[in-house]
């Protein structure tokens, strides 16, 4: 009997031990599951190796040149008591102006209509006093016509002569006399070359100050709003009566732009 009881006791102890072992095994798996992300997070690289090592600079290029063309708005303004008369007068005078411009050396392809406007000035005329009150009179209407052309003058030494010829032909509306460059894109390319050289010089200076070297180019972009800024020179128009226009001075014109360049560090 004693042996039988001892056997049952041992079996109970073994059963309890097995249950405890299974429970501890489950807790171990759960603990590993809960601690794995923390362990992985602790092992994440913190030395900044994934950050790019670059130098970013802005290079500026500027090219100056003497303008090679001049532009002007040349036209005529007429008035008349009816629209037809005002338009006919403006058309006749403009025909004479165009002929004078071509005789002065301006090519037909360099003459383009820039504006043709017709409007009316209305001026009510008051009537005399009638029994203590003034009654409105008939409306006086004056019609005005403006016709002008944009002219390109490619021989800058003839600017004054061209303006004089237009005035002699009847032009009484002249404005916007400017000097410019016929093909500015070539200058923009030269300015870009200077901007790249300027950017490299700045990058090398920054690299030397930090004990590193400039590597390959990572990216290049023109700064928006700063591309090909053309410095315009405006001419002063000085005329005495109907002739003697000038002097006109073309001065210099600048083409300027900026490039942002990113270099790798090595």
Protein backbone atom coordinates (compact mmCIF):
# COMPACT_ATOMS: atom_id res chain seq x y z
CA UNK A 1 0.00 0.00 0.00
CA UNK A 2 2.81 2.33 0.84
CA UNK A 3 4.40 1.66 -2.55
CA UNK A 4 1.14 2.41 -4.30
CA UNK A 5 0.76 5.75 -2.56
CA UNK A 6 4.36 6.70 -3.30
CA UNK A 7 3.80 5.93 -6.97
CA UNK A 8 0.74 8.14 -7.13
CA UNK A 9 2.61 10.99 -5.42
CA UNK A 10 5.51 10.78 -7.84
CA UNK A 11 3.10 10.76 -10.78
CA UNK A 12 1.35 13.87 -9.46
CA UNK A 13 4.66 15.66 -9.00
CA UNK A 14 5.75 14.78 -12.51
CA UNK A 15 2.42 16.01 -13.94
CA UNK A 16 2.70 19.33 -12.16
CA UNK A 17 6.30 19.70 -13.31
CA UNK A 18 5.24 19.07 -16.92
CA UNK A 19 2.49 21.69 -16.73
CA UNK A 20 4.89 24.24 -15.26
CA UNK A 21 7.44 23.47 -17.98
CA UNK A 22 4.87 24.00 -20.73
CA UNK A 23 3.76 27.32 -19.17
CA UNK A 24 7.32 28.57 -18.87
CA UNK A 25 7.99 27.62 -22.50
CA UNK A 26 4.99 29.68 -23.68
CA UNK A 27 6.05 32.67 -21.62
CA UNK A 28 9.55 32.47 -23.11
CA UNK A 29 8.15 32.61 -26.68
CA UNK A 30 5.85 35.53 -25.77
CA UNK A 31 8.76 37.40 -24.17
CA UNK A 32 10.91 36.91 -27.26
CA UNK A 33 8.07 38.18 -29.46
CA UNK A 34 7.64 41.31 -27.34
CA UNK A 35 11.37 42.07 -27.12
CA UNK A 36 12.39 41.40 -30.75
CA UNK A 37 11.41 44.86 -32.16
CA UNK A 38 13.24 46.59 -29.33
CA UNK A 39 16.29 44.50 -30.01
CA UNK A 40 16.12 45.28 -33.70
CA UNK A 41 15.68 48.98 -32.95
CA UNK A 42 18.68 48.93 -30.71
CA UNK A 43 20.73 47.42 -33.52
CA UNK A 44 19.70 50.07 -36.15
CA UNK A 45 22.69 52.00 -37.55
CA UNK A 46 23.17 55.35 -35.84
CA UNK A 47 26.44 56.47 -37.45
CA UNK A 48 24.74 58.52 -40.24
CA UNK A 49 26.30 56.41 -42.98
CA UNK A 50 23.12 56.65 -45.09
CA UNK A 51 23.19 60.47 -45.21
CA UNK A 52 24.54 61.92 -48.49
CA UNK A 53 27.87 63.71 -48.32
CA UNK A 54 27.58 66.65 -50.69
CA UNK A 55 28.50 70.30 -51.17
CA UNK A 56 25.84 72.62 -52.65
CA UNK A 57 26.83 75.99 -54.16
CA UNK A 58 25.36 78.65 -56.44
CA UNK A 59 27.50 79.87 -59.34
CA UNK A 60 26.87 83.15 -61.14
CA UNK A 61 27.82 84.00 -64.72
CA UNK A 62 27.65 87.46 -66.28
CA UNK A 63 28.55 88.49 -69.82
CA UNK A 64 28.64 92.10 -71.07
CA UNK A 65 28.39 93.14 -74.70
CA UNK A 66 27.62 96.18 -76.80
CA UNK A 67 24.05 95.96 -78.21
CA UNK A 68 23.77 95.31 -81.92
CA UNK A 69 20.16 96.37 -82.63
CA UNK A 70 17.82 99.20 -81.70
CA UNK A 71 14.02 99.08 -81.53
CA UNK A 72 11.47 101.89 -81.52
CA UNK A 73 7.73 102.43 -81.66
CA UNK A 74 7.02 104.95 -84.42
CA UNK A 75 3.56 106.11 -85.44
CA UNK A 76 1.04 108.84 -86.06
CA UNK A 77 -1.99 110.13 -84.20
CA UNK A 78 -4.75 111.97 -86.06
CA UNK A 79 -8.08 113.57 -85.16
CA UNK A 80 -11.30 114.22 -87.10
CA UNK A 81 -14.95 115.05 -86.72
CA UNK A 82 -15.85 111.63 -88.12
CA UNK A 83 -14.15 108.26 -87.93
CA UNK A 84 -13.56 107.92 -91.66
CA UNK A 85 -11.62 111.17 -91.95
CA UNK A 86 -9.43 110.35 -88.95
CA UNK A 87 -8.63 106.86 -90.24
CA UNK A 88 -7.89 108.08 -93.77
CA UNK A 89 -5.51 110.76 -92.47
CA UNK A 90 -3.68 108.23 -90.29
CA UNK A 91 -3.44 105.71 -93.16
CA UNK A 92 -2.05 108.27 -95.61
CA UNK A 93 0.54 109.50 -93.13
CA UNK A 94 1.57 105.98 -92.13
CA UNK A 95 2.13 105.08 -95.80
CA UNK A 96 4.55 108.00 -96.08
CA UNK A 97 6.28 106.97 -92.84
CA UNK A 98 6.77 103.40 -94.07
CA UNK A 99 8.26 104.65 -97.32
CA UNK A 100 10.61 106.94 -95.42
CA UNK A 101 11.73 104.10 -93.13
CA UNK A 102 12.61 101.79 -96.02
CA UNK A 103 14.46 104.60 -97.80
CA UNK A 104 16.45 105.15 -94.58
CA UNK A 105 17.68 101.55 -94.70
CA UNK A 106 15.15 99.66 -92.56
CA UNK A 107 14.23 96.28 -94.06
CA UNK A 108 10.55 95.51 -94.55
CA UNK A 109 10.84 92.39 -92.39
CA UNK A 110 11.94 94.67 -89.52
CA UNK A 111 8.76 96.77 -89.62
CA UNK A 112 5.70 95.33 -87.88
CA UNK A 113 2.39 96.92 -86.92
CA UNK A 114 2.35 97.24 -83.14
CA UNK A 115 -0.95 99.01 -82.57
CA UNK A 116 -4.00 100.53 -84.25
CA UNK A 117 -6.50 102.31 -82.00
CA UNK A 118 -9.63 104.38 -82.59
CA UNK A 119 -11.50 106.19 -79.84
CA UNK A 120 -13.85 109.12 -79.35
CA UNK A 121 -13.57 112.16 -77.09
CA UNK A 122 -17.08 113.21 -76.07
CA UNK A 123 -17.54 116.77 -74.77
CA UNK A 124 -21.09 117.92 -74.02
CA UNK A 125 -21.61 121.60 -74.92
CA UNK A 126 -23.77 123.58 -72.44
CA UNK A 127 -26.65 125.71 -73.73
CA UNK A 128 -27.34 129.28 -72.56
CA UNK A 129 -29.50 129.89 -69.49
CA UNK A 130 -33.24 129.51 -70.20
CA UNK A 131 -35.64 130.71 -67.48
CA UNK A 132 -33.11 130.20 -64.68
CA UNK A 133 -31.89 126.77 -65.78
CA UNK A 134 -29.16 125.51 -68.07
CA UNK A 135 -30.06 122.73 -70.47
CA UNK A 136 -27.50 120.34 -71.97
CA UNK A 137 -26.52 121.08 -75.53
CA UNK A 138 -25.41 118.92 -78.41
CA UNK A 139 -22.50 116.56 -77.71
CA UNK A 140 -19.26 117.41 -79.54
CA UNK A 141 -17.39 114.28 -80.59
CA UNK A 142 -13.75 114.20 -81.74
CA UNK A 143 -12.43 110.94 -83.14
CA UNK A 144 -8.78 110.00 -82.58
CA UNK A 145 -6.76 107.37 -84.42
CA UNK A 146 -3.34 106.05 -83.43
CA UNK A 147 -1.35 103.81 -85.77
CA UNK A 148 2.19 102.76 -84.87
CA UNK A 149 4.78 100.21 -85.95
CA UNK A 150 7.63 98.48 -84.17
CA UNK A 151 10.87 99.10 -86.02
CA UNK A 152 14.15 97.20 -85.69
CA UNK A 153 17.23 99.21 -86.69
CA UNK A 154 20.25 96.96 -87.24
CA UNK A 155 22.77 99.66 -88.14
CA UNK A 156 23.13 101.58 -84.89
CA UNK A 157 24.90 104.46 -86.61
CA UNK A 158 21.67 105.26 -88.48
CA UNK A 159 19.30 105.40 -85.49
CA UNK A 160 19.14 109.20 -85.49
CA UNK A 161 18.72 109.37 -89.26
CA UNK A 162 15.86 106.83 -89.20
CA UNK A 163 14.01 108.77 -86.49
CA UNK A 164 14.52 112.02 -88.40
CA UNK A 165 13.18 110.48 -91.61
CA UNK A 166 10.06 109.23 -89.80
CA UNK A 167 9.41 112.64 -88.24
CA UNK A 168 9.83 114.40 -91.60
CA UNK A 169 7.26 111.99 -93.06
CA UNK A 170 4.68 112.94 -90.43
CA UNK A 171 5.37 110.73 -87.42
CA UNK A 172 4.24 112.46 -84.23
CA UNK A 173 4.26 109.47 -81.85
CA UNK A 174 7.70 108.02 -81.05
CA UNK A 175 8.53 106.10 -77.89
CA UNK A 176 10.24 103.00 -76.55
CA UNK A 177 13.63 103.57 -78.18
CA UNK A 178 15.74 100.71 -76.78
CA UNK A 179 18.97 98.90 -77.57
CA UNK A 180 19.26 95.12 -77.43
CA UNK A 181 20.95 91.96 -78.68
CA UNK A 182 19.71 90.23 -81.80
CA UNK A 183 20.67 86.70 -80.69
CA UNK A 184 20.98 86.68 -76.89
CA UNK A 185 20.99 82.88 -76.48
CA UNK A 186 24.66 82.68 -77.48
CA UNK A 187 25.47 85.03 -74.61
CA UNK A 188 23.36 82.94 -72.25
CA UNK A 189 25.48 79.87 -73.11
CA UNK A 190 28.65 81.82 -72.35
CA UNK A 191 27.15 82.99 -69.05
CA UNK A 192 26.38 79.37 -68.11
CA UNK A 193 30.04 78.43 -68.67
CA UNK A 194 31.10 81.20 -66.31
CA UNK A 195 28.50 80.11 -63.76
CA UNK A 196 29.82 76.53 -63.77
CA UNK A 197 33.41 77.76 -63.29
CA UNK A 198 32.27 80.01 -60.46
CA UNK A 199 30.40 77.15 -58.78
CA UNK A 200 33.42 74.83 -58.93
CA UNK A 201 35.71 77.48 -57.44
CA UNK A 202 33.30 77.99 -54.54
CA UNK A 203 32.94 74.24 -53.96
CA UNK A 204 36.72 73.71 -53.89
CA UNK A 205 37.11 76.56 -51.40
CA UNK A 206 34.47 75.06 -49.10
CA UNK A 207 36.02 71.59 -49.43
CA UNK A 208 39.49 72.89 -48.49
CA UNK A 209 38.08 74.67 -45.44
CA UNK A 210 36.57 71.37 -44.25
CA UNK A 211 39.45 69.05 -45.09
CA UNK A 212 37.66 67.14 -47.87
CA UNK A 213 37.79 67.00 -51.67
CA UNK A 214 35.24 67.79 -54.35
CA UNK A 215 33.87 64.76 -56.15
CA UNK A 216 31.65 64.32 -59.19
CA UNK A 217 28.66 66.52 -60.01
CA UNK A 218 25.44 65.15 -58.51
CA UNK A 219 22.98 67.66 -60.02
CA UNK A 220 22.84 71.02 -61.83
CA UNK A 221 19.85 73.34 -62.17
CA UNK A 222 19.20 76.92 -63.21
CA UNK A 223 17.68 79.01 -60.45
CA UNK A 224 14.08 79.81 -61.37
CA UNK A 225 13.47 83.52 -61.87
CA UNK A 226 17.18 84.27 -62.34
CA UNK A 227 17.80 82.78 -65.76
CA UNK A 228 19.15 85.02 -68.48
CA UNK A 229 18.50 88.39 -66.89
CA UNK A 230 19.15 90.95 -69.58
CA UNK A 231 20.17 94.42 -68.45
CA UNK A 232 18.54 96.81 -70.92
CA UNK A 233 19.86 100.22 -71.85
CA UNK A 234 17.23 102.84 -72.73
CA UNK A 235 18.16 105.57 -75.17
CA UNK A 236 17.37 109.22 -74.52
CA UNK A 237 15.40 110.86 -77.33
CA UNK A 238 16.21 114.54 -77.73
CA UNK A 239 14.63 116.35 -80.67
CA UNK A 240 14.54 119.98 -81.66
CA UNK A 241 11.31 120.66 -83.52
CA UNK A 242 10.93 118.19 -86.39
CA UNK A 243 14.54 117.12 -86.69
CA UNK A 244 17.81 116.62 -84.91
CA UNK A 245 16.84 113.43 -83.10
CA UNK A 246 19.56 112.13 -80.84
CA UNK A 247 22.12 111.56 -79.68
CA UNK A 248 21.50 107.84 -79.03
CA UNK A 249 24.00 105.90 -76.92
CA UNK A 250 23.77 102.06 -76.91
CA UNK A 251 26.00 101.57 -73.87
CA UNK A 252 26.43 97.95 -72.74
CA UNK A 253 24.06 95.11 -72.05
CA UNK A 254 24.51 92.31 -69.52
CA UNK A 255 23.31 88.74 -69.60
CA UNK A 256 23.38 87.20 -66.13
CA UNK A 257 22.18 83.86 -64.71
CA UNK A 258 22.72 81.57 -61.71
CA UNK A 259 23.19 77.79 -61.49
CA UNK A 260 22.86 75.60 -58.42
CA UNK A 261 25.39 72.76 -58.48
CA UNK A 262 25.60 69.84 -56.07
CA UNK A 263 28.97 68.04 -55.78
CA UNK A 264 29.74 64.78 -54.00
CA UNK A 265 32.35 64.82 -51.23
CA UNK A 266 35.23 62.36 -51.46
